[in-house]
Amino acid sequence: MSEIKETNYNLLQKQVASLIEDESNLIAILSNVSALLNDSLDQINWVGFYLKENDELILGPFQGHPACVHIAIGKGVCGTAVAENTTQLVEDVHAFPGHIACDANSKSEIVVPLHRNGDIIGVLDIDAPIIGRFSNNDQHALEEIVNIIEQQIK
C-alpha cells in the first residue's frame, strides 16, 4: 500500500473560500468544492454531497463513479451523520453497522454534516479505497471546509 500524501489543508481552505466567495447558488458552490476536493485529496475514490429532501438524502454534486441516489436518514454512514448531527469518521466501512455499499471499492469514509441557519441540509461524503485513510486531522480540516461553505450559504 502506498503512503498517503499530507494535504496542505490551510491552502485548500483558502482555495475553497476564494472559489466560492462571490457565489450564492448552492449547487454551483457544492459542484466546485467537490471538484476541488477531488483534485486535491490523495487516495480517495469518491467525493460529493448528499442533500436533505423530506426525510431522506438525495445525491447532489459529486466526483467519482455513479452513486446511490436515495439514502434514508439514520441509514448508512451518511444517514447516521444526519441522524446524529455529527461527523462520521469510519476506518473500515465493512465494520460499520448498516453500511450502504454504493461502491465495492470503498473501504473507509468520512461524512461531515452541512448546515444552513442551524439546520442540517446535507452532508459532505468522501470515500477512499484503503482502510484507515482519514485521520482526525482530515476530520478537523474538512469540518472547517464545510464551515466555510456554511458561512457562504447563510
C-alpha atoms as a PDB file:
ATOM      1  CA  MET A   1       0.000   0.000   0.000  1.00  0.00           C
ATOM      2  CA  SER A   2       1.372   3.417  -0.883  1.00  0.00           C
ATOM      3  CA  GLU A   3       1.677   6.166   1.668  1.00  0.00           C
ATOM      4  CA  ILE A   4      -0.926   8.933   1.801  1.00  0.00           C
ATOM      5  CA  LYS A   5       0.409  12.381   0.914  1.00  0.00           C
ATOM      6  CA  GLU A   6      -0.167  15.007   3.571  1.00  0.00           C
ATOM      7  CA  THR A   7      -2.708  17.548   2.334  1.00  0.00           C
ATOM      8  CA  ASN A   8      -1.983  21.232   2.825  1.00  0.00           C
ATOM      9  CA  TYR A   9      -5.383  21.959   4.321  1.00  0.00           C
ATOM     10  CA  ASN A  10      -4.601  25.613   5.086  1.00  0.00           C
ATOM     11  CA  LEU A  11      -4.057  26.214   1.386  1.00  0.00           C
ATOM     12  CA  LEU A  12      -7.092  24.102   0.458  1.00  0.00           C
ATOM     13  CA  GLN A  13      -9.317  26.068   2.842  1.00  0.00           C
ATOM     14  CA  LYS A  14      -8.135  29.338   1.297  1.00  0.00           C
ATOM     15  CA  GLN A  15      -8.815  27.925  -2.175  1.00  0.00           C
ATOM     16  CA  VAL A  16     -12.350  26.907  -1.176  1.00  0.00           C
ATOM     17  CA  ALA A  17     -13.060  30.344   0.297  1.00  0.00           C
ATOM     18  CA  SER A  18     -11.726  32.081  -2.809  1.00  0.00           C
ATOM     19  CA  LEU A  19     -13.560  29.747  -5.181  1.00  0.00           C
ATOM     20  CA  ILE A  20     -16.988  30.353  -3.639  1.00  0.00           C
ATOM     21  CA  GLU A  21     -16.711  33.914  -2.294  1.00  0.00           C
ATOM     22  CA  ASP A  22     -18.866  35.562  -4.969  1.00  0.00           C
ATOM     23  CA  GLU A  23     -21.323  32.696  -5.460  1.00  0.00           C
ATOM     24  CA  SER A  24     -24.736  32.265  -3.842  1.00  0.00           C
ATOM     25  CA  ASN A  25     -26.068  29.246  -5.769  1.00  0.00           C
ATOM     26  CA  LEU A  26     -25.801  26.160  -3.558  1.00  0.00           C
ATOM     27  CA  ILE A  27     -25.432  23.662  -6.425  1.00  0.00           C
ATOM     28  CA  ALA A  28     -22.687  25.718  -8.068  1.00  0.00           C
ATOM     29  CA  ILE A  29     -20.818  26.004  -4.752  1.00  0.00           C
ATOM     30  CA  LEU A  30     -21.063  22.287  -3.985  1.00  0.00           C
ATOM     31  CA  SER A  31     -20.104  21.353  -7.548  1.00  0.00           C
ATOM     32  CA  ASN A  32     -16.925  23.397  -7.477  1.00  0.00           C
ATOM     33  CA  VAL A  33     -15.986  22.323  -3.947  1.00  0.00           C
ATOM     34  CA  SER A  34     -16.404  18.633  -4.829  1.00  0.00           C
ATOM     35  CA  ALA A  35     -14.219  19.136  -7.942  1.00  0.00           C
ATOM     36  CA  LEU A  36     -11.553  20.963  -5.927  1.00  0.00           C
ATOM     37  CA  LEU A  37     -11.507  18.306  -3.204  1.00  0.00           C
ATOM     38  CA  ASN A  38     -11.311  15.551  -5.810  1.00  0.00           C
ATOM     39  CA  ASP A  39      -8.278  17.235  -7.387  1.00  0.00           C
ATOM     40  CA  SER A  40      -6.613  17.971  -4.037  1.00  0.00           C
ATOM     41  CA  LEU A  41      -7.073  14.881  -1.857  1.00  0.00           C
ATOM     42  CA  ASP A  42      -4.839  11.864  -2.251  1.00  0.00           C
ATOM     43  CA  GLN A  43      -6.155   8.296  -2.358  1.00  0.00           C
ATOM     44  CA  ILE A  44      -9.884   8.934  -2.488  1.00  0.00           C
ATOM     45  CA  ASN A  45     -12.323   7.380  -4.942  1.00  0.00           C
ATOM     46  CA  TRP A  46     -15.462   9.485  -4.399  1.00  0.00           C
ATOM     47  CA  VAL A  47     -16.240  12.939  -3.051  1.00  0.00           C
ATOM     48  CA  GLY A  48     -19.523  14.762  -3.080  1.00  0.00           C
ATOM     49  CA  PHE A  49     -22.615  15.947  -1.336  1.00  0.00           C
ATOM     50  CA  TYR A  50     -25.974  14.474  -0.423  1.00  0.00           C
ATOM     51  CA  LEU A  51     -28.760  16.979   0.169  1.00  0.00           C
ATOM     52  CA  LYS A  52     -31.629  16.511   2.598  1.00  0.00           C
ATOM     53  CA  GLU A  53     -35.037  16.422   0.948  1.00  0.00           C
ATOM     54  CA  ASN A  54     -38.063  15.478   3.037  1.00  0.00           C
ATOM     55  CA  ASP A  55     -36.940  12.508   5.151  1.00  0.00           C
ATOM     56  CA  GLU A  56     -34.013  11.304   3.040  1.00  0.00           C
ATOM     57  CA  LEU A  57     -30.740  12.300   1.458  1.00  0.00           C
ATOM     58  CA  ILE A  58     -30.631  12.777  -2.311  1.00  0.00           C
ATOM     59  CA  LEU A  59     -27.451  12.597  -4.359  1.00  0.00           C
ATOM     60  CA  GLY A  60     -26.036  16.035  -5.078  1.00  0.00           C
ATOM     61  CA  PRO A  61     -22.925  17.322  -6.842  1.00  0.00           C
ATOM     62  CA  PHE A  62     -20.071  14.804  -6.791  1.00  0.00           C
ATOM     63  CA  GLN A  63     -16.912  13.498  -8.440  1.00  0.00           C
ATOM     64  CA  GLY A  64     -16.458   9.758  -8.938  1.00  0.00           C
ATOM     65  CA  HIS A  65     -18.381   6.719 -10.082  1.00  0.00           C
ATOM     66  CA  PRO A  66     -22.211   6.720 -10.116  1.00  0.00           C
ATOM     67  CA  ALA A  67     -23.576   6.553  -6.587  1.00  0.00           C
ATOM     68  CA  CYS A  68     -26.641   5.688  -4.551  1.00  0.00           C
ATOM     69  CA  VAL A  69     -29.338   8.287  -5.204  1.00  0.00           C
ATOM     70  CA  HIS A  70     -31.534   7.869  -2.109  1.00  0.00           C
ATOM     71  CA  ILE A  71     -30.273   7.328   1.453  1.00  0.00           C
ATOM     72  CA  ALA A  72     -32.691   7.186   4.373  1.00  0.00           C
ATOM     73  CA  ILE A  73     -31.926   9.336   7.407  1.00  0.00           C
ATOM     74  CA  GLY A  74     -30.330   7.060  10.004  1.00  0.00           C
ATOM     75  CA  LYS A  75     -29.134   4.514   7.427  1.00  0.00           C
ATOM     76  CA  GLY A  76     -25.534   4.017   6.375  1.00  0.00           C
ATOM     77  CA  VAL A  77     -22.712   6.402   7.208  1.00  0.00           C
ATOM     78  CA  CYS A  78     -24.361   9.436   5.557  1.00  0.00           C
ATOM     79  CA  GLY A  79     -27.762   8.856   7.132  1.00  0.00           C
ATOM     80  CA  THR A  80     -26.141   8.304  10.537  1.00  0.00           C
ATOM     81  CA  ALA A  81     -24.236  11.599  10.244  1.00  0.00           C
ATOM     82  CA  VAL A  82     -27.561  13.386   9.707  1.00  0.00           C
ATOM     83  CA  ALA A  83     -29.449  11.492  12.417  1.00  0.00           C
ATOM     84  CA  GLU A  84     -26.698  12.143  14.988  1.00  0.00           C
ATOM     85  CA  ASN A  85     -25.679  15.568  13.622  1.00  0.00           C
ATOM     86  CA  THR A  86     -22.027  14.559  13.959  1.00  0.00           C
ATOM     87  CA  THR A  87     -19.120  13.840  11.661  1.00  0.00           C
ATOM     88  CA  GLN A  88     -18.662  10.137  10.991  1.00  0.00           C
ATOM     89  CA  LEU A  89     -15.019   9.045  10.625  1.00  0.00           C
ATOM     90  CA  VAL A  90     -15.099   5.389   9.590  1.00  0.00           C
ATOM     91  CA  GLU A  91     -11.808   3.497   9.404  1.00  0.00           C
ATOM     92  CA  ASP A  92     -13.367   0.381   7.838  1.00  0.00           C
ATOM     93  CA  VAL A  93     -16.797   0.739   6.240  1.00  0.00           C
ATOM     94  CA  HIS A  94     -17.325  -3.024   6.264  1.00  0.00           C
ATOM     95  CA  ALA A  95     -17.276  -2.915  10.070  1.00  0.00           C
ATOM     96  CA  PHE A  96     -19.872  -0.087  10.167  1.00  0.00           C
ATOM     97  CA  PRO A  97     -23.338  -1.448  11.068  1.00  0.00           C
ATOM     98  CA  GLY A  98     -25.729  -0.902   8.155  1.00  0.00           C
ATOM     99  CA  HIS A  99     -23.099   0.417   5.750  1.00  0.00           C
ATOM    100  CA  ILE A 100     -24.576   1.046   2.296  1.00  0.00           C
ATOM    101  CA  ALA A 101     -22.126  -0.213  -0.325  1.00  0.00           C
ATOM    102  CA  CYS A 102     -22.568   2.167  -3.258  1.00  0.00           C
ATOM    103  CA  ASP A 103     -19.045   1.328  -4.458  1.00  0.00           C
ATOM    104  CA  ALA A 104     -17.499  -2.017  -3.542  1.00  0.00           C
ATOM    105  CA  ASN A 105     -14.028  -0.436  -3.807  1.00  0.00           C
ATOM    106  CA  SER A 106     -14.661   1.960  -0.904  1.00  0.00           C
ATOM    107  CA  LYS A 107     -13.025   0.859   2.331  1.00  0.00           C
ATOM    108  CA  SER A 108     -13.046   3.975   4.527  1.00  0.00           C
ATOM    109  CA  GLU A 109     -15.243   7.050   4.658  1.00  0.00           C
ATOM    110  CA  ILE A 110     -15.742  10.428   6.274  1.00  0.00           C
ATOM    111  CA  VAL A 111     -19.071  12.256   6.336  1.00  0.00           C
ATOM    112  CA  VAL A 112     -19.472  15.831   7.617  1.00  0.00           C
ATOM    113  CA  PRO A 113     -22.932  17.375   8.201  1.00  0.00           C
ATOM    114  CA  LEU A 114     -23.688  20.568   6.258  1.00  0.00           C
ATOM    115  CA  HIS A 115     -25.945  23.207   7.855  1.00  0.00           C
ATOM    116  CA  ARG A 116     -27.828  26.307   6.801  1.00  0.00           C
ATOM    117  CA  ASN A 117     -29.126  28.549   9.587  1.00  0.00           C
ATOM    118  CA  GLY A 118     -28.502  25.770  12.111  1.00  0.00           C
ATOM    119  CA  ASP A 119     -30.485  23.102  10.236  1.00  0.00           C
ATOM    120  CA  ILE A 120     -28.852  20.145   8.507  1.00  0.00           C
ATOM    121  CA  ILE A 121     -29.306  20.459   4.753  1.00  0.00           C
ATOM    122  CA  GLY A 122     -26.949  17.685   3.692  1.00  0.00           C
ATOM    123  CA  VAL A 123     -23.536  16.115   4.084  1.00  0.00           C
ATOM    124  CA  LEU A 124     -20.081  16.131   2.556  1.00  0.00           C
ATOM    125  CA  ASP A 125     -19.182  12.489   1.858  1.00  0.00           C
ATOM    126  CA  ILE A 126     -15.689  11.268   0.940  1.00  0.00           C
ATOM    127  CA  ASP A 127     -14.773   7.622   0.281  1.00  0.00           C
ATOM    128  CA  ALA A 128     -11.354   6.017  -0.034  1.00  0.00           C
ATOM    129  CA  PRO A 129     -10.208   2.675  -1.457  1.00  0.00           C
ATOM    130  CA  ILE A 130      -7.953   1.988   1.546  1.00  0.00           C
ATOM    131  CA  ILE A 131      -8.745   1.220   5.186  1.00  0.00           C
ATOM    132  CA  GLY A 132      -7.899   3.997   7.627  1.00  0.00           C
ATOM    133  CA  ARG A 133      -7.489   6.718   5.002  1.00  0.00           C
ATOM    134  CA  PHE A 134      -8.942   9.525   7.123  1.00  0.00           C
ATOM    135  CA  SER A 135      -7.361  10.905  10.300  1.00  0.00           C
ATOM    136  CA  ASN A 136      -8.507  13.304  12.999  1.00  0.00           C
ATOM    137  CA  ASN A 137      -6.512  15.968  11.113  1.00  0.00           C
ATOM    138  CA  ASP A 138      -8.590  15.256   7.988  1.00  0.00           C
ATOM    139  CA  GLN A 139     -11.761  15.460  10.068  1.00  0.00           C
ATOM    140  CA  HIS A 140     -10.959  18.858  11.593  1.00  0.00           C
ATOM    141  CA  ALA A 141      -9.805  20.307   8.272  1.00  0.00           C
ATOM    142  CA  LEU A 142     -12.850  19.028   6.360  1.00  0.00           C
ATOM    143  CA  GLU A 143     -15.172  20.330   9.082  1.00  0.00           C
ATOM    144  CA  GLU A 144     -13.542  23.734   8.576  1.00  0.00           C
ATOM    145  CA  ILE A 145     -14.118  23.494   4.811  1.00  0.00           C
ATOM    146  CA  VAL A 146     -17.791  22.722   5.473  1.00  0.00           C
ATOM    147  CA  ASN A 147     -17.872  25.705   7.847  1.00  0.00           C
ATOM    148  CA  ILE A 148     -16.555  27.923   5.034  1.00  0.00           C
ATOM    149  CA  ILE A 149     -19.397  26.664   2.815  1.00  0.00           C
ATOM    150  CA  GLU A 150     -21.937  27.248   5.602  1.00  0.00           C
ATOM    151  CA  GLN A 151     -20.789  30.855   6.032  1.00  0.00           C
ATOM    152  CA  GLN A 152     -21.283  31.430   2.301  1.00  0.00           C
ATOM    153  CA  ILE A 153     -24.792  29.921   2.060  1.00  0.00           C
ATOM    154  CA  LYS A 154     -26.380  31.620   5.095  1.00  0.00           C
END
